[in-house]
Every structure is written in C-alpha cells, then in structure tokens.
C-alpha cells in the first residue's frame, strides 16, 4: 500500500529559494501544524504566486520540488519576536513551471476560472496524479521520475 502523500505549499519565490538553499521549508507564516501533517518520504511542490511576499510582481509558477527528509519539525529563531517552525526537505534540481498551461489538467483545481482558490489555504494535499503532472514539467531528468522509479 502506498502511504506516500503529496503536498503543495504556497510560498513566495524569494522565500522558496531561501528554503531551497537551506534545505528547509516553512509554511503558513511559520505555523507548526501544517508541517506536522507531512511524514518522512512525502513529496512537496512549492507554488509561488508572487516573487516576494510583500510585493505585487506575479510569479504564478511551481518553483521547487522536494522530498521530506526526516520526521523532525523544529522551531527556528529568525528574530527576537519571530520563531517559525521548519521542516527539512531534500530539494531536487528542477526548473520553474508556469501553472497556466497545467490548470485544465489539475484535479485539485475544480473551478478552472477561479484556479487560484486552493492556494489560499497555504498548504494542502494533492493526489499523486497532480504531483506527477507538475513534477514531470519541473524535473530536468524526466527518466528519474516515473511510477516504477520514484525520485
């Protein structure tokens, strides 16, 4: 039985790249609960609606793909008053993939006209089909990812 789960986190591109560089993910303004839903071996896609959290410049692309490295969720002191939770992720070498060409084929987007709606939750589970479709557009070595040979 396949117990692997597939997740999408909505994070600005700037913050995503910081996480990729440090092999960690932080979601929903540092909340612990979403990160605890993931288990070692689960897969994660990161969708970035914007380039920076504060700015208005659109990105509208999947910007990272990775696998949960361990079962640890830990606090990280970023400043005196901000101690978000993080999760260790093994990020894969990938290319950005715009969402617009994928919308009609993604099952988690039920209303194609309001396609951005699911991302407002910041973190959610998707079916393997959707993960595979998105990951196949992002991974440079597509033969490294198939149903018979997981990443």
N, C-alpha and C. Protein backbone atom coordinates (compact mmCIF):
# COMPACT_ATOMS: atom_id res chain seq x y z
N UNK A 1 0.84 -1.19 0.00
CA UNK A 1 0.00 0.00 0.00
C UNK A 1 0.89 1.26 0.00
N UNK A 2 0.55 2.19 -0.86
CA UNK A 2 1.33 3.42 -0.98
C UNK A 2 0.87 4.42 0.08
N UNK A 3 1.74 4.68 1.04
CA UNK A 3 1.38 5.64 2.09
C UNK A 3 2.02 7.01 1.85
N UNK A 4 2.75 7.13 0.74
CA UNK A 4 3.36 8.41 0.40
C UNK A 4 2.26 9.43 0.10
N UNK A 5 2.43 10.63 0.64
CA UNK A 5 1.49 11.70 0.36
C UNK A 5 2.21 12.80 -0.43
N UNK A 6 1.40 13.63 -1.08
CA UNK A 6 1.91 14.68 -1.95
C UNK A 6 1.29 16.00 -1.50
N UNK A 7 2.13 17.00 -1.34
CA UNK A 7 1.70 18.27 -0.76
C UNK A 7 2.08 19.44 -1.66
N UNK A 8 1.31 20.52 -1.54
CA UNK A 8 1.66 21.78 -2.20
C UNK A 8 1.70 22.85 -1.11
N UNK A 9 2.77 23.63 -1.11
CA UNK A 9 2.90 24.78 -0.22
C UNK A 9 2.90 26.03 -1.09
N UNK A 10 2.17 27.04 -0.67
CA UNK A 10 2.14 28.32 -1.39
C UNK A 10 3.08 29.28 -0.65
N UNK A 11 4.20 29.58 -1.31
CA UNK A 11 5.27 30.38 -0.70
C UNK A 11 5.85 31.29 -1.78
N UNK A 12 6.16 32.53 -1.45
CA UNK A 12 6.76 33.43 -2.45
C UNK A 12 8.04 32.81 -3.00
N UNK A 13 8.39 33.20 -4.22
CA UNK A 13 9.60 32.65 -4.84
C UNK A 13 10.84 33.00 -4.03
N UNK A 14 10.91 34.22 -3.53
CA UNK A 14 12.08 34.64 -2.74
C UNK A 14 12.25 33.75 -1.51
N UNK A 15 11.18 33.51 -0.78
CA UNK A 15 11.25 32.66 0.41
C UNK A 15 11.51 31.20 0.04
N UNK A 16 10.96 30.77 -1.09
CA UNK A 16 11.21 29.40 -1.55
C UNK A 16 12.70 29.19 -1.81
N UNK A 17 13.33 30.14 -2.50
CA UNK A 17 14.75 30.00 -2.82
C UNK A 17 15.61 29.99 -1.55
N UNK A 18 15.19 30.73 -0.54
CA UNK A 18 15.88 30.71 0.75
C UNK A 18 15.78 29.32 1.37
N UNK A 19 14.61 28.71 1.26
CA UNK A 19 14.40 27.37 1.79
C UNK A 19 15.18 26.32 1.01
N UNK A 20 15.19 26.45 -0.32
CA UNK A 20 15.94 25.50 -1.15
C UNK A 20 17.43 25.57 -0.79
N UNK A 21 17.95 26.78 -0.65
CA UNK A 21 19.37 26.96 -0.31
C UNK A 21 19.70 26.35 1.05
N UNK A 22 18.76 26.39 1.98
CA UNK A 22 19.00 25.87 3.33
C UNK A 22 18.41 24.49 3.58
N UNK A 23 17.82 23.88 2.56
CA UNK A 23 17.19 22.55 2.65
C UNK A 23 16.10 22.48 3.71
N UNK A 24 15.25 23.52 3.76
CA UNK A 24 14.13 23.53 4.71
C UNK A 24 12.90 24.16 4.07
N UNK A 25 11.76 23.93 4.69
CA UNK A 25 10.53 24.59 4.28
C UNK A 25 9.83 25.10 5.51
N UNK A 26 9.23 26.26 5.34
CA UNK A 26 8.47 26.92 6.40
C UNK A 26 7.20 27.38 5.69
N UNK A 27 6.03 27.11 6.26
CA UNK A 27 4.77 27.41 5.58
C UNK A 27 3.82 28.17 6.50
N UNK A 28 2.82 28.80 5.90
CA UNK A 28 1.73 29.44 6.64
C UNK A 28 2.24 30.35 7.77
N UNK A 29 3.18 31.21 7.44
CA UNK A 29 3.74 32.17 8.40
C UNK A 29 4.38 31.49 9.61
N UNK A 30 4.98 30.33 9.35
CA UNK A 30 5.75 29.65 10.39
C UNK A 30 4.98 28.72 11.29
N UNK A 31 3.73 28.41 10.93
CA UNK A 31 2.93 27.53 11.77
C UNK A 31 3.47 26.10 11.79
N UNK A 32 3.32 25.45 12.93
CA UNK A 32 3.82 24.09 13.13
C UNK A 32 2.86 23.04 12.56
N UNK A 33 1.56 23.22 12.74
CA UNK A 33 0.56 22.20 12.39
C UNK A 33 0.64 21.69 10.95
N UNK A 34 0.74 22.57 9.94
CA UNK A 34 0.81 22.04 8.57
C UNK A 34 2.03 21.15 8.35
N UNK A 35 3.16 21.55 8.90
CA UNK A 35 4.39 20.78 8.72
C UNK A 35 4.29 19.41 9.38
N UNK A 36 3.54 19.31 10.46
CA UNK A 36 3.37 18.03 11.16
C UNK A 36 2.55 17.04 10.36
N UNK A 37 1.80 17.52 9.39
CA UNK A 37 0.98 16.64 8.56
C UNK A 37 1.86 15.81 7.60
N UNK A 38 3.02 16.32 7.29
CA UNK A 38 3.93 15.60 6.39
C UNK A 38 4.70 14.53 7.16
N UNK A 39 5.07 13.48 6.44
CA UNK A 39 5.88 12.41 7.01
C UNK A 39 7.14 12.23 6.16
N UNK A 40 8.15 11.62 6.77
CA UNK A 40 9.39 11.32 6.04
C UNK A 40 9.03 10.56 4.77
N UNK A 41 9.60 11.01 3.63
CA UNK A 41 9.35 10.35 2.36
C UNK A 41 8.23 10.96 1.53
N UNK A 42 7.41 11.82 2.14
CA UNK A 42 6.37 12.51 1.38
C UNK A 42 7.03 13.49 0.41
N UNK A 43 6.29 13.87 -0.62
CA UNK A 43 6.79 14.81 -1.62
C UNK A 43 6.12 16.17 -1.47
N UNK A 44 6.86 17.21 -1.82
CA UNK A 44 6.38 18.58 -1.69
C UNK A 44 6.65 19.37 -2.96
N UNK A 45 5.63 20.06 -3.42
CA UNK A 45 5.77 21.03 -4.51
C UNK A 45 5.56 22.40 -3.90
N UNK A 46 6.29 23.38 -4.39
CA UNK A 46 6.10 24.74 -3.91
C UNK A 46 5.56 25.59 -5.07
N UNK A 47 4.43 26.23 -4.82
CA UNK A 47 3.83 27.14 -5.78
C UNK A 47 4.06 28.57 -5.29
N UNK A 48 4.56 29.41 -6.18
CA UNK A 48 4.81 30.82 -5.84
C UNK A 48 3.92 31.71 -6.69
N UNK A 49 2.93 32.32 -6.05
CA UNK A 49 2.06 33.23 -6.80
C UNK A 49 2.76 34.54 -7.09
N UNK A 50 3.69 34.91 -6.17
CA UNK A 50 4.41 36.18 -6.31
C UNK A 50 5.92 35.96 -6.14
N UNK A 51 6.68 36.93 -6.60
CA UNK A 51 8.14 36.88 -6.46
C UNK A 51 8.52 37.10 -4.99
N UNK A 52 7.96 38.14 -4.36
CA UNK A 52 8.25 38.41 -2.95
C UNK A 52 6.93 38.43 -2.18
N UNK A 53 7.01 38.16 -0.89
CA UNK A 53 5.81 38.13 -0.07
C UNK A 53 5.14 39.51 -0.02
N UNK A 54 5.94 40.57 0.07
CA UNK A 54 5.41 41.92 0.23
C UNK A 54 5.01 42.56 -1.10
N UNK A 55 5.64 42.15 -2.17
CA UNK A 55 5.44 42.80 -3.47
C UNK A 55 4.22 42.32 -4.22
N UNK A 56 4.02 42.90 -5.40
CA UNK A 56 2.88 42.55 -6.25
C UNK A 56 3.29 41.87 -7.56
N UNK A 57 4.61 41.70 -7.77
CA UNK A 57 5.07 41.10 -9.02
C UNK A 57 4.71 39.62 -9.05
N UNK A 58 3.93 39.23 -10.05
CA UNK A 58 3.45 37.86 -10.16
C UNK A 58 4.55 36.89 -10.57
N UNK A 59 4.44 35.68 -10.08
CA UNK A 59 5.31 34.59 -10.49
C UNK A 59 4.44 33.51 -11.15
N UNK A 60 3.39 33.07 -10.46
CA UNK A 60 2.43 32.09 -10.95
C UNK A 60 3.08 30.84 -11.52
N UNK A 61 4.01 30.27 -10.74
CA UNK A 61 4.72 29.08 -11.19
C UNK A 61 5.06 28.18 -10.01
N UNK A 62 5.24 26.91 -10.31
CA UNK A 62 5.78 25.98 -9.33
C UNK A 62 7.28 26.19 -9.35
N UNK A 63 7.85 26.43 -8.17
CA UNK A 63 9.24 26.88 -8.11
C UNK A 63 10.19 25.90 -7.42
N UNK A 64 9.66 24.86 -6.79
CA UNK A 64 10.55 23.88 -6.15
C UNK A 64 9.81 22.56 -5.97
N UNK A 65 10.58 21.49 -5.96
CA UNK A 65 10.05 20.15 -5.70
C UNK A 65 11.05 19.43 -4.80
N UNK A 66 10.54 18.74 -3.81
CA UNK A 66 11.43 18.05 -2.88
C UNK A 66 10.75 16.91 -2.16
N UNK A 67 11.52 16.29 -1.30
CA UNK A 67 11.05 15.14 -0.52
C UNK A 67 11.36 15.40 0.96
N UNK A 68 10.42 15.06 1.82
CA UNK A 68 10.61 15.26 3.25
C UNK A 68 11.73 14.35 3.74
N UNK A 69 12.73 14.98 4.36
CA UNK A 69 13.97 14.29 4.73
C UNK A 69 13.86 13.44 5.99
N UNK A 70 13.12 13.91 6.99
CA UNK A 70 13.04 13.20 8.27
C UNK A 70 11.71 13.51 8.93
N UNK A 71 11.55 13.10 10.17
CA UNK A 71 10.28 13.33 10.87
C UNK A 71 10.33 14.51 11.83
N UNK A 72 11.36 15.34 11.71
CA UNK A 72 11.55 16.45 12.64
C UNK A 72 10.88 17.74 12.17
N UNK A 73 10.09 18.35 13.06
CA UNK A 73 9.55 19.69 12.88
C UNK A 73 10.17 20.50 14.01
N UNK A 74 10.84 21.57 13.68
CA UNK A 74 11.61 22.27 14.71
C UNK A 74 11.44 23.79 14.61
N UNK A 75 11.54 24.48 15.77
CA UNK A 75 11.47 25.94 15.77
C UNK A 75 12.81 26.52 15.35
N UNK A 76 12.76 27.67 14.68
CA UNK A 76 13.97 28.36 14.25
C UNK A 76 13.82 29.84 14.56
N UNK A 77 14.70 30.37 15.37
CA UNK A 77 14.60 31.78 15.76
C UNK A 77 15.15 32.68 14.66
N UNK A 78 14.24 33.36 13.96
CA UNK A 78 14.64 34.27 12.90
C UNK A 78 14.89 35.67 13.44
N UNK A 79 14.16 36.03 14.48
CA UNK A 79 14.35 37.33 15.14
C UNK A 79 13.87 37.18 16.58
N UNK A 80 14.00 38.23 17.34
CA UNK A 80 13.61 38.17 18.75
C UNK A 80 12.14 37.79 18.92
N UNK A 81 11.30 38.28 18.01
CA UNK A 81 9.86 38.06 18.14
C UNK A 81 9.27 37.08 17.12
N UNK A 82 10.10 36.45 16.30
CA UNK A 82 9.57 35.54 15.28
C UNK A 82 10.36 34.24 15.30
N UNK A 83 9.68 33.19 15.75
CA UNK A 83 10.30 31.86 15.83
C UNK A 83 9.40 30.88 15.08
N UNK A 84 9.54 30.82 13.75
CA UNK A 84 8.71 29.92 12.96
C UNK A 84 9.19 28.47 13.06
N UNK A 85 8.32 27.57 12.62
CA UNK A 85 8.69 26.15 12.55
C UNK A 85 9.14 25.81 11.15
N UNK A 86 10.08 24.87 11.08
CA UNK A 86 10.63 24.44 9.81
C UNK A 86 10.63 22.92 9.71
N UNK A 87 10.81 22.46 8.48
CA UNK A 87 10.88 21.03 8.18
C UNK A 87 12.03 20.83 7.19
N UNK A 88 12.86 19.80 7.39
CA UNK A 88 13.98 19.52 6.50
C UNK A 88 13.47 18.85 5.21
N UNK A 89 13.89 19.40 4.08
CA UNK A 89 13.46 18.92 2.78
C UNK A 89 14.68 18.70 1.89
N UNK A 90 14.71 17.57 1.20
CA UNK A 90 15.73 17.34 0.16
C UNK A 90 15.15 17.86 -1.14
N UNK A 91 15.59 19.02 -1.56
CA UNK A 91 15.08 19.60 -2.80
C UNK A 91 15.82 19.01 -3.99
N UNK A 92 15.10 18.84 -5.09
CA UNK A 92 15.66 18.27 -6.31
C UNK A 92 15.98 19.39 -7.29
N UNK A 93 16.96 19.15 -8.12
CA UNK A 93 17.28 20.13 -9.15
C UNK A 93 16.10 20.16 -10.11
N UNK A 94 15.56 21.36 -10.32
CA UNK A 94 14.38 21.46 -11.17
C UNK A 94 14.34 22.81 -11.87
N UNK A 95 13.40 22.93 -12.79
CA UNK A 95 13.13 24.19 -13.46
C UNK A 95 11.74 24.65 -13.04
N UNK A 96 11.54 25.95 -13.07
CA UNK A 96 10.23 26.53 -12.76
C UNK A 96 9.23 26.08 -13.81
N UNK A 97 7.98 25.88 -13.38
CA UNK A 97 6.94 25.51 -14.33
C UNK A 97 5.72 26.41 -14.13
N UNK A 98 5.38 27.20 -15.15
CA UNK A 98 4.21 28.07 -15.04
C UNK A 98 2.94 27.23 -14.82
N UNK A 99 2.03 27.73 -14.02
CA UNK A 99 0.80 26.99 -13.73
C UNK A 99 -0.24 27.09 -14.84
N UNK A 100 -0.30 28.21 -15.54
CA UNK A 100 -1.37 28.46 -16.51
C UNK A 100 -1.57 27.29 -17.50
N UNK A 101 -0.50 26.76 -18.12
CA UNK A 101 -0.72 25.65 -19.08
C UNK A 101 -1.20 24.35 -18.42
N UNK A 102 -1.09 24.24 -17.09
CA UNK A 102 -1.44 23.00 -16.40
C UNK A 102 -2.86 23.00 -15.82
N UNK A 103 -3.45 24.16 -15.67
CA UNK A 103 -4.72 24.31 -14.93
C UNK A 103 -5.79 23.31 -15.36
N UNK A 104 -6.03 23.18 -16.66
CA UNK A 104 -7.11 22.31 -17.12
C UNK A 104 -6.89 20.84 -16.81
N UNK A 105 -5.65 20.44 -16.53
CA UNK A 105 -5.35 19.04 -16.25
C UNK A 105 -5.12 18.74 -14.77
N UNK A 106 -5.23 19.74 -13.92
CA UNK A 106 -5.01 19.53 -12.49
C UNK A 106 -6.33 19.25 -11.78
N UNK A 107 -6.42 18.08 -11.14
CA UNK A 107 -7.64 17.67 -10.45
C UNK A 107 -7.96 18.52 -9.23
N UNK A 108 -6.93 19.04 -8.54
CA UNK A 108 -7.21 19.80 -7.32
C UNK A 108 -7.81 21.16 -7.60
N UNK A 109 -7.79 21.58 -8.86
CA UNK A 109 -8.43 22.85 -9.24
C UNK A 109 -9.77 22.51 -9.88
N UNK A 110 -10.83 22.55 -9.06
CA UNK A 110 -12.15 22.15 -9.57
C UNK A 110 -12.80 23.27 -10.39
N UNK A 111 -12.60 24.52 -9.98
CA UNK A 111 -13.16 25.65 -10.71
C UNK A 111 -12.03 26.29 -11.51
N UNK A 112 -11.98 26.00 -12.80
CA UNK A 112 -10.86 26.44 -13.64
C UNK A 112 -10.83 27.97 -13.80
N UNK A 113 -11.97 28.64 -13.65
CA UNK A 113 -11.99 30.10 -13.75
C UNK A 113 -11.40 30.75 -12.50
N UNK A 114 -11.60 30.14 -11.34
CA UNK A 114 -11.05 30.64 -10.07
C UNK A 114 -9.93 29.71 -9.61
N UNK A 115 -8.99 29.47 -10.50
CA UNK A 115 -7.95 28.46 -10.27
C UNK A 115 -7.05 28.76 -9.07
N UNK A 116 -6.94 30.01 -8.65
CA UNK A 116 -6.08 30.36 -7.52
C UNK A 116 -6.67 30.03 -6.16
N UNK A 117 -7.95 29.69 -6.12
CA UNK A 117 -8.65 29.46 -4.85
C UNK A 117 -7.96 28.45 -3.93
N UNK A 118 -7.56 27.26 -4.39
CA UNK A 118 -6.96 26.28 -3.46
C UNK A 118 -5.70 26.79 -2.75
N UNK A 119 -4.98 27.69 -3.37
CA UNK A 119 -3.72 28.17 -2.81
C UNK A 119 -3.91 29.09 -1.61
N UNK A 120 -5.12 29.59 -1.40
CA UNK A 120 -5.35 30.49 -0.28
C UNK A 120 -5.17 29.79 1.06
N UNK A 121 -5.22 28.45 1.06
CA UNK A 121 -5.01 27.69 2.30
C UNK A 121 -3.53 27.66 2.68
N UNK A 122 -2.64 27.90 1.72
CA UNK A 122 -1.21 27.96 2.00
C UNK A 122 -0.50 26.62 2.00
N UNK A 123 -1.24 25.55 2.30
CA UNK A 123 -0.63 24.22 2.36
C UNK A 123 -1.75 23.19 2.27
N UNK A 124 -1.63 22.25 1.32
CA UNK A 124 -2.69 21.25 1.17
C UNK A 124 -2.16 20.02 0.45
N UNK A 125 -2.90 18.92 0.61
CA UNK A 125 -2.54 17.65 -0.01
C UNK A 125 -3.15 17.56 -1.39
N UNK A 126 -2.41 16.93 -2.33
CA UNK A 126 -2.93 16.68 -3.67
C UNK A 126 -2.75 15.20 -3.99
N UNK A 127 -3.44 14.76 -5.03
CA UNK A 127 -3.33 13.38 -5.46
C UNK A 127 -2.02 13.16 -6.23
N UNK A 128 -1.60 11.92 -6.27
CA UNK A 128 -0.36 11.56 -6.95
C UNK A 128 -0.39 12.00 -8.42
N UNK A 129 -1.55 11.89 -9.07
CA UNK A 129 -1.68 12.30 -10.47
C UNK A 129 -1.24 13.75 -10.67
N UNK A 130 -1.74 14.64 -9.82
CA UNK A 130 -1.39 16.06 -9.95
C UNK A 130 0.09 16.29 -9.66
N UNK A 131 0.59 15.62 -8.63
CA UNK A 131 2.02 15.75 -8.33
C UNK A 131 2.85 15.30 -9.53
N UNK A 132 2.53 14.14 -10.08
CA UNK A 132 3.31 13.61 -11.22
C UNK A 132 3.27 14.54 -12.42
N UNK A 133 2.12 15.11 -12.70
CA UNK A 133 1.99 16.03 -13.84
C UNK A 133 2.89 17.24 -13.65
N UNK A 134 2.82 17.85 -12.48
CA UNK A 134 3.63 19.04 -12.21
C UNK A 134 5.11 18.70 -12.17
N UNK A 135 5.47 17.65 -11.44
CA UNK A 135 6.88 17.26 -11.32
C UNK A 135 7.48 16.91 -12.67
N UNK A 136 6.70 16.32 -13.55
CA UNK A 136 7.23 15.94 -14.87
C UNK A 136 7.63 17.17 -15.68
N UNK A 137 7.03 18.32 -15.39
CA UNK A 137 7.38 19.57 -16.09
C UNK A 137 8.59 20.25 -15.45
N UNK A 138 8.89 19.88 -14.20
CA UNK A 138 9.93 20.57 -13.45
C UNK A 138 11.28 19.86 -13.44
N UNK A 139 11.25 18.55 -13.45
CA UNK A 139 12.50 17.79 -13.30
C UNK A 139 13.23 17.69 -14.63
N UNK A 140 14.49 18.02 -14.61
CA UNK A 140 15.31 18.01 -15.84
C UNK A 140 15.46 16.60 -16.39
N UNK A 141 15.68 15.65 -15.49
CA UNK A 141 15.87 14.27 -15.92
C UNK A 141 14.57 13.54 -15.69
N UNK A 142 13.67 13.59 -16.68
CA UNK A 142 12.35 13.01 -16.51
C UNK A 142 12.39 11.50 -16.28
N UNK A 143 13.46 10.82 -16.73
CA UNK A 143 13.54 9.39 -16.52
C UNK A 143 13.79 9.06 -15.05
N UNK A 144 14.23 10.06 -14.27
CA UNK A 144 14.45 9.84 -12.84
C UNK A 144 13.14 9.76 -12.08
N UNK A 145 12.05 10.15 -12.75
CA UNK A 145 10.77 10.15 -12.08
C UNK A 145 9.72 9.42 -12.91
N UNK A 146 9.31 8.30 -12.43
CA UNK A 146 8.22 7.57 -13.06
C UNK A 146 7.55 6.72 -11.98
N UNK A 147 6.42 6.14 -12.27
CA UNK A 147 5.71 5.35 -11.26
C UNK A 147 6.53 4.15 -10.82
N UNK A 148 7.36 3.62 -11.69
CA UNK A 148 8.15 2.44 -11.32
C UNK A 148 9.46 2.83 -10.64
N UNK A 149 9.87 4.08 -10.78
CA UNK A 149 11.16 4.50 -10.22
C UNK A 149 10.99 5.86 -9.56
N UNK A 150 10.52 5.85 -8.33
CA UNK A 150 10.30 7.12 -7.63
C UNK A 150 11.62 7.86 -7.45
N UNK A 151 11.51 9.15 -7.29
CA UNK A 151 12.67 10.03 -7.14
C UNK A 151 13.58 9.52 -6.04
